[in-house]
Amino acid sequence: MNWKIKAGIALLVVGALVGGVLAVLKIRSHSEVIVTLRITVTPEDQVDFVTGRGNSAQFKYLVGKQSEVKPVLAQKLSVKPVPHSALVEARISVLTKDEGRRYVEAFVETLQDLCGKQAQLALTEQSIR
C-alpha cells in the first residue's frame, strides 16, 4: 500500500476515536437534573404577558444570578403556557438538586417582581428530578 493511503486511513481512525470520546464526554457533562414548575397566573388573561416576561433575557439573568445557577444553564430556561388553563410551565436543566432547589426558591419571587401588579403568581407544582 502507498504511504499516503496508510496515512489517510490512520487519520480517519484517529478522527473517529477523538469524535467518539468527545461525544461521550458531552453526554456525561449534560445536565442531569430537570426542574419543572407550574405557576398559576391571576388574572388568567395575563398568561401570555407572564410567559413573555419569563422568557425574557432580563428574567433569565436575574433568576440565574439569584439562584447561583451557571449563566449558560439559566439561558436554557423554557417558559410556556399550559393550554386551556391559567397555568404557566417552566423547565430548566441544572447540574445538581441543590441548584434546582435554589432556582425554585428564586423563580416565583423574581418573576412576580418583573410582572408587577399586572399579574399575581402562585407556585402550584414543582418537580426536581
Protein backbone atom coordinates (compact mmCIF):
# COMPACT_ATOMS: atom_id res chain seq x y z
CA MET A 1 0.00 0.00 0.00
CA ASN A 2 1.03 3.53 -0.67
CA TRP A 3 2.12 5.53 2.39
CA LYS A 4 -0.41 8.28 1.57
CA ILE A 5 -3.28 5.80 1.77
CA LYS A 6 -1.98 4.40 5.07
CA ALA A 7 -1.67 7.92 6.49
CA GLY A 8 -5.21 8.75 5.34
CA ILE A 9 -6.64 5.62 6.97
CA ALA A 10 -4.74 6.35 10.18
CA LEU A 11 -6.10 9.92 10.24
CA LEU A 12 -9.66 8.62 9.76
CA VAL A 13 -9.29 6.15 12.62
CA VAL A 14 -7.81 8.77 14.96
CA GLY A 15 -10.55 11.25 13.98
CA ALA A 16 -13.27 8.67 14.69
CA LEU A 17 -11.76 7.87 18.10
CA VAL A 18 -11.48 11.54 19.06
CA GLY A 19 -15.06 12.16 17.91
CA GLY A 20 -16.30 9.21 19.96
CA VAL A 21 -14.51 10.42 23.09
CA LEU A 22 -15.89 13.94 22.67
CA ALA A 23 -19.42 12.60 22.18
CA VAL A 24 -19.19 10.51 25.37
CA LEU A 25 -17.83 13.47 27.36
CA LYS A 26 -20.60 15.74 26.08
CA ILE A 27 -23.26 13.22 27.12
CA ARG A 28 -21.77 12.91 30.61
CA SER A 29 -21.48 16.68 31.09
CA HIS A 30 -25.10 17.23 30.05
CA SER A 31 -27.34 18.48 32.83
CA GLU A 32 -28.98 15.63 34.65
CA VAL A 33 -31.46 17.35 36.97
CA ILE A 34 -34.64 18.75 35.43
CA VAL A 35 -36.67 21.34 37.32
CA THR A 36 -40.32 21.72 36.30
CA LEU A 37 -42.53 24.42 37.80
CA ARG A 38 -46.20 25.16 37.29
CA ILE A 39 -47.35 28.62 38.25
CA THR A 40 -50.93 29.86 38.48
CA VAL A 41 -51.49 33.28 36.92
CA THR A 42 -54.26 35.59 38.12
CA PRO A 43 -56.00 37.08 36.14
CA GLU A 44 -55.98 34.33 33.53
CA ASP A 45 -55.77 36.75 30.59
CA GLN A 46 -52.24 37.70 31.69
CA VAL A 47 -50.76 34.25 30.93
CA ASP A 48 -49.16 35.47 27.68
CA PHE A 49 -47.70 38.51 29.45
CA VAL A 50 -46.18 36.33 32.19
CA THR A 51 -44.85 33.87 29.60
CA GLY A 52 -43.14 36.72 27.77
CA ARG A 53 -41.56 38.02 30.96
CA GLY A 54 -40.43 34.51 31.92
CA ASN A 55 -38.71 34.01 28.58
CA SER A 56 -37.01 37.40 28.62
CA ALA A 57 -33.23 37.62 28.87
CA GLN A 58 -33.61 40.01 31.80
CA PHE A 59 -35.55 37.46 33.85
CA LYS A 60 -33.23 34.59 32.96
CA TYR A 61 -30.25 36.70 34.04
CA LEU A 62 -31.86 37.80 37.31
CA VAL A 63 -33.12 34.38 38.43
CA GLY A 64 -29.85 32.76 37.40
CA LYS A 65 -27.86 35.28 39.39
CA GLN A 66 -30.05 34.99 42.50
CA SER A 67 -30.02 31.19 42.45
CA GLU A 68 -26.31 30.99 41.53
CA VAL A 69 -27.04 28.78 38.51
CA LYS A 70 -24.46 28.99 35.72
CA PRO A 71 -25.49 31.57 33.09
CA VAL A 72 -25.32 29.01 30.28
CA LEU A 73 -27.87 26.83 32.06
CA ALA A 74 -30.05 29.76 33.10
CA GLN A 75 -30.39 30.86 29.46
CA LYS A 76 -31.88 27.47 28.59
CA LEU A 77 -34.99 28.15 30.68
CA SER A 78 -38.21 27.46 28.78
CA VAL A 79 -41.49 29.04 29.91
CA LYS A 80 -44.70 28.01 28.13
CA PRO A 81 -48.40 28.49 28.80
CA VAL A 82 -50.38 25.35 29.63
CA PRO A 83 -53.23 25.17 27.09
CA HIS A 84 -56.75 25.99 28.30
CA SER A 85 -55.69 26.96 31.82
CA ALA A 86 -54.31 29.80 33.93
CA LEU A 87 -51.01 27.93 34.33
CA VAL A 88 -47.53 28.61 33.05
CA GLU A 89 -44.97 25.79 32.95
CA ALA A 90 -41.24 26.42 33.28
CA ARG A 91 -38.47 23.88 32.67
CA ILE A 92 -34.74 24.07 33.12
CA SER A 93 -31.89 21.59 33.40
CA VAL A 94 -29.39 22.14 36.19
CA LEU A 95 -26.37 20.23 37.42
CA THR A 96 -27.47 19.33 40.95
CA LYS A 97 -30.63 19.06 43.06
CA ASP A 98 -29.26 21.81 45.31
CA GLU A 99 -29.10 24.16 42.31
CA GLY A 100 -32.65 23.08 41.46
CA ARG A 101 -33.92 23.96 44.94
CA ARG A 102 -32.21 27.36 44.84
CA TYR A 103 -33.70 28.00 41.40
CA VAL A 104 -37.22 27.17 42.60
CA GLU A 105 -36.80 29.48 45.62
CA ALA A 106 -35.80 32.44 43.44
CA PHE A 107 -38.11 31.80 40.49
CA VAL A 108 -41.59 32.94 41.53
CA GLU A 109 -40.42 35.91 43.59
CA THR A 110 -38.24 37.21 40.75
CA LEU A 111 -40.94 36.70 38.12
CA GLN A 112 -43.52 38.39 40.36
CA ASP A 113 -41.22 41.40 40.72
CA LEU A 114 -40.93 41.68 36.93
CA CYS A 115 -44.67 41.31 36.35
CA GLY A 116 -45.53 43.90 38.98
CA LYS A 117 -49.21 44.41 39.71
CA GLN A 118 -50.37 43.22 36.27
CA ALA A 119 -50.45 39.59 37.39
CA GLN A 120 -50.36 37.66 40.64
CA LEU A 121 -48.35 34.44 40.63
CA ALA A 122 -48.54 31.37 42.85
CA LEU A 123 -46.40 28.26 42.69
CA THR A 124 -48.81 25.37 42.08
CA GLU A 125 -46.50 22.45 41.47
CA GLN A 126 -42.76 21.74 41.44
CA SER A 127 -40.64 18.80 40.44
CA ILE A 128 -36.88 18.38 40.76
CA ARG A 129 -35.68 15.16 39.12
